[in-house]
Amino acid sequence: QVQLVESGGGLVQAGGSLRLSCAASGRTAMGWFRQAPGKEREFVAAISRSGTITYYADSVKGRFTISGDIAKNTVYLQMNSLRPDDTAVYYCAAKPYLTTYENLSSYAYWGQGTQVTVSS
């Protein structure tokens, strides 16, 4: 059983930055997903157990960076140049290995979600 605790959401103006954190109770591959009102949950970024392999959705490439602190079993999502369409509840998720990283159903553990609101 892996427990995930997220933090770092909030309200920011367009063009601003936020950093999300997700602390895990064990070492796993991890992903970030987001769900906007009325939309399906979508993949944002993922990172391997070692922290050496990362993947991004096209919509966030060049703006978001996923990173990990292995010693703390914590993953971060640095979000820059935020846009109103980035507004969503952001969830971190964990799985043993980083295969099928875009597939929601492949993740066994989920955080509680943190709201990110970007105003125009």
N, C-alpha and C. Protein backbone atom coordinates (compact mmCIF):
# COMPACT_ATOMS: atom_id res chain seq x y z
N GLN A 1 0.84 -1.19 0.00
CA GLN A 1 0.00 0.00 0.00
C GLN A 1 0.88 1.25 0.00
N VAL A 2 0.64 2.14 -0.93
CA VAL A 2 1.38 3.39 -1.03
C VAL A 2 0.43 4.55 -0.76
N GLN A 3 0.81 5.40 0.15
CA GLN A 3 0.02 6.58 0.43
C GLN A 3 0.67 7.80 -0.21
N LEU A 4 -0.16 8.66 -0.76
CA LEU A 4 0.31 9.85 -1.47
C LEU A 4 -0.33 11.08 -0.84
N VAL A 5 0.50 12.08 -0.57
CA VAL A 5 0.01 13.32 0.01
C VAL A 5 0.48 14.47 -0.88
N GLU A 6 -0.49 15.18 -1.43
CA GLU A 6 -0.19 16.28 -2.35
C GLU A 6 -0.27 17.62 -1.63
N SER A 7 0.45 18.57 -2.19
CA SER A 7 0.37 19.94 -1.70
C SER A 7 0.83 20.90 -2.79
N GLY A 8 0.51 22.17 -2.60
CA GLY A 8 1.05 23.19 -3.49
C GLY A 8 0.09 23.84 -4.45
N GLY A 9 -1.15 23.41 -4.48
CA GLY A 9 -2.09 24.05 -5.39
C GLY A 9 -2.44 25.46 -4.93
N GLY A 10 -3.21 26.16 -5.75
CA GLY A 10 -3.63 27.49 -5.38
C GLY A 10 -4.12 28.28 -6.57
N LEU A 11 -4.25 29.59 -6.34
CA LEU A 11 -4.73 30.52 -7.36
C LEU A 11 -3.55 31.36 -7.85
N VAL A 12 -3.42 31.45 -9.16
CA VAL A 12 -2.31 32.21 -9.74
C VAL A 12 -2.81 32.90 -11.00
N GLN A 13 -2.19 34.00 -11.33
CA GLN A 13 -2.56 34.69 -12.57
C GLN A 13 -1.89 34.03 -13.76
N ALA A 14 -2.48 34.22 -14.90
CA ALA A 14 -1.90 33.68 -16.13
C ALA A 14 -0.47 34.19 -16.29
N GLY A 15 0.42 33.27 -16.68
CA GLY A 15 1.83 33.60 -16.80
C GLY A 15 2.64 33.30 -15.56
N GLY A 16 1.94 33.02 -14.48
CA GLY A 16 2.61 32.74 -13.22
C GLY A 16 3.05 31.30 -13.09
N SER A 17 3.55 30.98 -11.89
CA SER A 17 4.12 29.65 -11.63
C SER A 17 3.58 29.08 -10.33
N LEU A 18 3.55 27.77 -10.27
CA LEU A 18 3.22 27.03 -9.06
C LEU A 18 4.06 25.76 -9.04
N ARG A 19 4.32 25.26 -7.85
CA ARG A 19 4.99 23.96 -7.73
C ARG A 19 4.15 23.05 -6.87
N LEU A 20 3.81 21.91 -7.43
CA LEU A 20 3.08 20.89 -6.70
C LEU A 20 4.06 19.86 -6.15
N SER A 21 3.72 19.32 -5.00
CA SER A 21 4.52 18.26 -4.39
C SER A 21 3.65 17.05 -4.12
N CYS A 22 4.26 15.89 -4.20
CA CYS A 22 3.55 14.66 -3.86
C CYS A 22 4.51 13.77 -3.09
N ALA A 23 4.23 13.57 -1.83
CA ALA A 23 5.06 12.73 -0.98
C ALA A 23 4.47 11.33 -0.92
N ALA A 24 5.32 10.34 -1.23
CA ALA A 24 4.88 8.95 -1.24
C ALA A 24 5.46 8.22 -0.05
N SER A 25 4.75 7.17 0.37
CA SER A 25 5.21 6.38 1.52
C SER A 25 6.22 5.32 1.10
N GLY A 26 6.46 5.21 -0.21
CA GLY A 26 7.45 4.27 -0.72
C GLY A 26 8.00 4.76 -2.04
N ARG A 27 8.98 4.04 -2.55
CA ARG A 27 9.61 4.45 -3.81
C ARG A 27 8.88 3.80 -4.98
N THR A 28 8.34 4.64 -5.87
CA THR A 28 7.57 4.14 -7.01
C THR A 28 7.77 5.06 -8.20
N ALA A 29 7.34 4.60 -9.35
CA ALA A 29 7.17 5.50 -10.48
C ALA A 29 5.92 6.34 -10.20
N MET A 30 5.91 7.55 -10.68
CA MET A 30 4.78 8.42 -10.36
C MET A 30 4.37 9.26 -11.56
N GLY A 31 3.11 9.59 -11.55
CA GLY A 31 2.57 10.42 -12.61
C GLY A 31 1.71 11.53 -12.04
N TRP A 32 1.54 12.56 -12.83
CA TRP A 32 0.61 13.64 -12.52
C TRP A 32 -0.48 13.64 -13.59
N PHE A 33 -1.70 13.77 -13.11
CA PHE A 33 -2.85 13.87 -13.99
C PHE A 33 -3.66 15.10 -13.56
N ARG A 34 -4.57 15.53 -14.42
CA ARG A 34 -5.42 16.65 -14.04
C ARG A 34 -6.82 16.44 -14.62
N GLN A 35 -7.78 17.04 -13.94
CA GLN A 35 -9.16 16.93 -14.38
C GLN A 35 -9.83 18.28 -14.25
N ALA A 36 -10.21 18.85 -15.37
CA ALA A 36 -10.93 20.11 -15.40
C ALA A 36 -12.43 19.83 -15.30
N PRO A 37 -13.21 20.80 -14.86
CA PRO A 37 -14.66 20.59 -14.73
C PRO A 37 -15.28 20.15 -16.05
N GLY A 38 -16.05 19.08 -15.99
CA GLY A 38 -16.73 18.58 -17.17
C GLY A 38 -15.86 17.83 -18.15
N LYS A 39 -14.61 17.60 -17.78
CA LYS A 39 -13.69 16.90 -18.69
C LYS A 39 -13.15 15.64 -18.03
N GLU A 40 -12.61 14.76 -18.86
CA GLU A 40 -12.01 13.55 -18.34
C GLU A 40 -10.64 13.86 -17.74
N ARG A 41 -10.24 12.99 -16.84
CA ARG A 41 -8.90 13.11 -16.25
C ARG A 41 -7.87 12.81 -17.33
N GLU A 42 -6.83 13.64 -17.40
CA GLU A 42 -5.84 13.48 -18.45
C GLU A 42 -4.42 13.45 -17.90
N PHE A 43 -3.55 12.78 -18.64
CA PHE A 43 -2.16 12.67 -18.28
C PHE A 43 -1.45 14.01 -18.43
N VAL A 44 -0.55 14.30 -17.48
CA VAL A 44 0.24 15.52 -17.54
C VAL A 44 1.73 15.20 -17.66
N ALA A 45 2.24 14.40 -16.73
CA ALA A 45 3.67 14.09 -16.73
C ALA A 45 3.90 12.84 -15.89
N ALA A 46 5.04 12.19 -16.12
CA ALA A 46 5.37 11.00 -15.35
C ALA A 46 6.88 10.91 -15.18
N ILE A 47 7.29 10.21 -14.13
CA ILE A 47 8.72 10.06 -13.84
C ILE A 47 8.97 8.65 -13.33
N SER A 48 10.11 8.10 -13.70
CA SER A 48 10.45 6.74 -13.32
C SER A 48 10.87 6.66 -11.85
N ARG A 49 11.00 5.44 -11.35
CA ARG A 49 11.42 5.23 -9.96
C ARG A 49 12.77 5.88 -9.69
N SER A 50 13.68 5.78 -10.66
CA SER A 50 15.02 6.34 -10.49
C SER A 50 15.05 7.85 -10.68
N GLY A 51 14.00 8.38 -11.23
CA GLY A 51 13.97 9.81 -11.50
C GLY A 51 14.70 10.22 -12.76
N THR A 52 15.17 9.25 -13.53
CA THR A 52 15.98 9.57 -14.70
C THR A 52 15.19 9.62 -16.01
N ILE A 53 13.97 9.11 -16.00
CA ILE A 53 13.14 9.10 -17.21
C ILE A 53 11.87 9.89 -16.94
N THR A 54 11.56 10.80 -17.83
CA THR A 54 10.36 11.61 -17.68
C THR A 54 9.58 11.66 -18.98
N TYR A 55 8.29 11.86 -18.86
CA TYR A 55 7.41 11.99 -20.01
C TYR A 55 6.44 13.15 -19.75
N TYR A 56 6.02 13.79 -20.83
CA TYR A 56 5.11 14.93 -20.70
C TYR A 56 4.02 14.87 -21.76
N ALA A 57 2.87 15.37 -21.40
CA ALA A 57 1.83 15.60 -22.40
C ALA A 57 2.27 16.77 -23.28
N ASP A 58 1.86 16.73 -24.53
CA ASP A 58 2.25 17.79 -25.47
C ASP A 58 1.81 19.17 -24.98
N SER A 59 0.68 19.22 -24.29
CA SER A 59 0.12 20.50 -23.88
C SER A 59 0.94 21.21 -22.81
N VAL A 60 1.85 20.47 -22.15
CA VAL A 60 2.63 21.08 -21.06
C VAL A 60 4.13 21.08 -21.34
N LYS A 61 4.54 20.45 -22.42
CA LYS A 61 5.97 20.40 -22.74
C LYS A 61 6.55 21.81 -22.85
N GLY A 62 7.71 21.99 -22.22
CA GLY A 62 8.35 23.29 -22.25
C GLY A 62 7.88 24.25 -21.18
N ARG A 63 6.77 23.90 -20.51
CA ARG A 63 6.23 24.75 -19.44
C ARG A 63 6.29 24.06 -18.08
N PHE A 64 6.06 22.77 -18.05
CA PHE A 64 6.04 22.03 -16.80
C PHE A 64 7.28 21.14 -16.72
N THR A 65 7.76 20.94 -15.49
CA THR A 65 8.89 20.05 -15.27
C THR A 65 8.59 19.14 -14.09
N ILE A 66 8.72 17.85 -14.31
CA ILE A 66 8.55 16.87 -13.24
C ILE A 66 9.93 16.46 -12.75
N SER A 67 10.07 16.37 -11.45
CA SER A 67 11.35 15.97 -10.87
C SER A 67 11.08 15.20 -9.59
N GLY A 68 12.13 14.52 -9.11
CA GLY A 68 11.94 13.71 -7.92
C GLY A 68 13.10 13.82 -6.96
N ASP A 69 12.78 13.73 -5.69
CA ASP A 69 13.79 13.64 -4.63
C ASP A 69 13.69 12.22 -4.08
N ILE A 70 14.61 11.37 -4.53
CA ILE A 70 14.52 9.95 -4.18
C ILE A 70 14.61 9.75 -2.67
N ALA A 71 15.48 10.51 -2.03
CA ALA A 71 15.68 10.35 -0.58
C ALA A 71 14.40 10.63 0.20
N LYS A 72 13.59 11.53 -0.34
CA LYS A 72 12.35 11.90 0.35
C LYS A 72 11.13 11.22 -0.24
N ASN A 73 11.32 10.40 -1.28
CA ASN A 73 10.18 9.78 -1.98
C ASN A 73 9.15 10.84 -2.36
N THR A 74 9.63 11.94 -2.85
CA THR A 74 8.75 13.06 -3.19
C THR A 74 8.95 13.46 -4.64
N VAL A 75 7.85 13.72 -5.32
CA VAL A 75 7.88 14.16 -6.70
C VAL A 75 7.30 15.56 -6.78
N TYR A 76 7.88 16.36 -7.64
CA TYR A 76 7.45 17.74 -7.80
C TYR A 76 6.97 17.98 -9.23
N LEU A 77 6.06 18.89 -9.37
CA LEU A 77 5.64 19.35 -10.69
C LEU A 77 5.76 20.87 -10.69
N GLN A 78 6.80 21.35 -11.32
CA GLN A 78 7.00 22.79 -11.46
C GLN A 78 6.23 23.26 -12.69
N MET A 79 5.32 24.17 -12.47
CA MET A 79 4.45 24.63 -13.55
C MET A 79 4.72 26.12 -13.80
N ASN A 80 5.23 26.41 -14.97
CA ASN A 80 5.54 27.79 -15.37
C ASN A 80 4.65 28.20 -16.53
N SER A 81 4.60 29.49 -16.76
CA SER A 81 3.80 30.04 -17.87
C SER A 81 2.39 29.48 -17.86
N LEU A 82 1.80 29.50 -16.70
CA LEU A 82 0.47 28.90 -16.55
C LEU A 82 -0.57 29.67 -17.36
N ARG A 83 -1.54 28.92 -17.86
CA ARG A 83 -2.62 29.47 -18.68
C ARG A 83 -3.95 29.12 -18.04
N PRO A 84 -4.99 29.87 -18.36
CA PRO A 84 -6.32 29.55 -17.80
C PRO A 84 -6.76 28.12 -18.10
N ASP A 85 -6.35 27.56 -19.22
CA ASP A 85 -6.78 26.20 -19.52
C ASP A 85 -5.98 25.15 -18.76
N ASP A 86 -5.04 25.57 -17.92
CA ASP A 86 -4.38 24.65 -16.99
C ASP A 86 -5.19 24.48 -15.71
N THR A 87 -6.25 25.25 -15.56
CA THR A 87 -7.09 25.14 -14.38
C THR A 87 -7.71 23.75 -14.28
N ALA A 88 -7.49 23.11 -13.13
CA ALA A 88 -7.97 21.74 -12.94
C ALA A 88 -7.61 21.29 -11.53
N VAL A 89 -8.16 20.16 -11.16
CA VAL A 89 -7.67 19.46 -9.98
C VAL A 89 -6.54 18.55 -10.45
N TYR A 90 -5.40 18.67 -9.80
CA TYR A 90 -4.23 17.89 -10.16
C TYR A 90 -4.06 16.74 -9.18
N TYR A 91 -3.83 15.56 -9.72
CA TYR A 91 -3.67 14.36 -8.93
C TYR A 91 -2.31 13.73 -9.19
N CYS A 92 -1.65 13.28 -8.15
CA CYS A 92 -0.49 12.42 -8.37
C CYS A 92 -0.94 10.97 -8.21
N ALA A 93 -0.22 10.10 -8.88
CA ALA A 93 -0.55 8.69 -8.87
C ALA A 93 0.75 7.88 -8.88
N ALA A 94 0.68 6.67 -8.35
CA ALA A 94 1.88 5.85 -8.23
C ALA A 94 1.65 4.45 -8.78
N LYS A 95 2.73 3.89 -9.28
CA LYS A 95 2.71 2.52 -9.78
C LYS A 95 4.13 1.99 -9.66
N PRO A 96 4.30 0.66 -9.69
CA PRO A 96 5.64 0.11 -9.47
C PRO A 96 6.65 0.53 -10.55
N TYR A 97 6.23 0.48 -11.82
CA TYR A 97 7.15 0.76 -12.91
C TYR A 97 6.48 1.65 -13.94
N LEU A 98 7.30 2.38 -14.69
CA LEU A 98 6.78 3.40 -15.58
C LEU A 98 6.48 2.83 -16.97
N THR A 99 5.57 1.88 -17.01
CA THR A 99 5.07 1.40 -18.30
C THR A 99 3.66 1.91 -18.46
N THR A 100 3.23 2.06 -19.70
CA THR A 100 1.88 2.60 -19.98
C THR A 100 1.58 3.79 -19.10
N TYR A 101 2.49 4.73 -19.07
CA TYR A 101 2.44 5.84 -18.12
C TYR A 101 1.25 6.77 -18.35
N GLU A 102 0.68 6.78 -19.55
CA GLU A 102 -0.47 7.65 -19.83
C GLU A 102 -1.80 7.02 -19.43
N ASN A 103 -1.78 5.77 -19.09
CA ASN A 103 -3.00 5.02 -18.82
C ASN A 103 -3.41 5.16 -17.35
N LEU A 104 -4.51 5.85 -17.10
CA LEU A 104 -4.97 6.07 -15.73
C LEU A 104 -5.16 4.77 -14.98
N SER A 105 -5.73 3.80 -15.65
CA SER A 105 -6.09 2.56 -14.96
C SER A 105 -4.87 1.74 -14.58
N SER A 106 -3.70 2.09 -15.10
CA SER A 106 -2.49 1.34 -14.75
C SER A 106 -1.88 1.80 -13.42
N TYR A 107 -2.39 2.89 -12.87
CA TYR A 107 -1.89 3.41 -11.60
C TYR A 107 -2.73 2.85 -10.45
N ALA A 108 -2.06 2.27 -9.46
CA ALA A 108 -2.76 1.62 -8.37
C ALA A 108 -3.12 2.58 -7.23
N TYR A 109 -2.37 3.65 -7.11
CA TYR A 109 -2.54 4.54 -5.96
C TYR A 109 -2.68 5.98 -6.44
N TRP A 110 -3.57 6.71 -5.74
CA TRP A 110 -3.87 8.08 -6.12
C TRP A 110 -3.86 9.00 -4.91
N GLY A 111 -3.41 10.24 -5.12
CA GLY A 111 -3.52 11.25 -4.10
C GLY A 111 -4.93 11.83 -4.06
N GLN A 112 -5.14 12.73 -3.13
CA GLN A 112 -6.47 13.29 -2.92
C GLN A 112 -6.81 14.41 -3.90
N GLY A 113 -5.80 14.92 -4.60
CA GLY A 113 -6.01 15.99 -5.56
C GLY A 113 -5.78 17.36 -4.93
N THR A 114 -5.30 18.28 -5.74
CA THR A 114 -5.09 19.65 -5.29
C THR A 114 -5.54 20.59 -6.41
N GLN A 115 -6.28 21.63 -6.03
CA GLN A 115 -6.86 22.53 -7.01
C GLN A 115 -5.84 23.55 -7.49
N VAL A 116 -5.75 23.69 -8.79
CA VAL A 116 -4.96 24.75 -9.41
C VAL A 116 -5.90 25.61 -10.24
N THR A 117 -5.93 26.89 -9.93
CA THR A 117 -6.78 27.82 -10.66
C THR A 117 -5.92 28.93 -11.25
N VAL A 118 -6.03 29.12 -12.56
CA VAL A 118 -5.26 30.15 -13.25
C VAL A 118 -6.24 31.19 -13.77
N SER A 119 -6.09 32.40 -13.29
CA SER A 119 -7.00 33.47 -13.71
C SER A 119 -6.41 34.23 -14.90
N SER A 120 -7.31 34.73 -15.72
CA SER A 120 -6.85 35.45 -16.93
C SER A 120 -6.69 36.94 -16.66
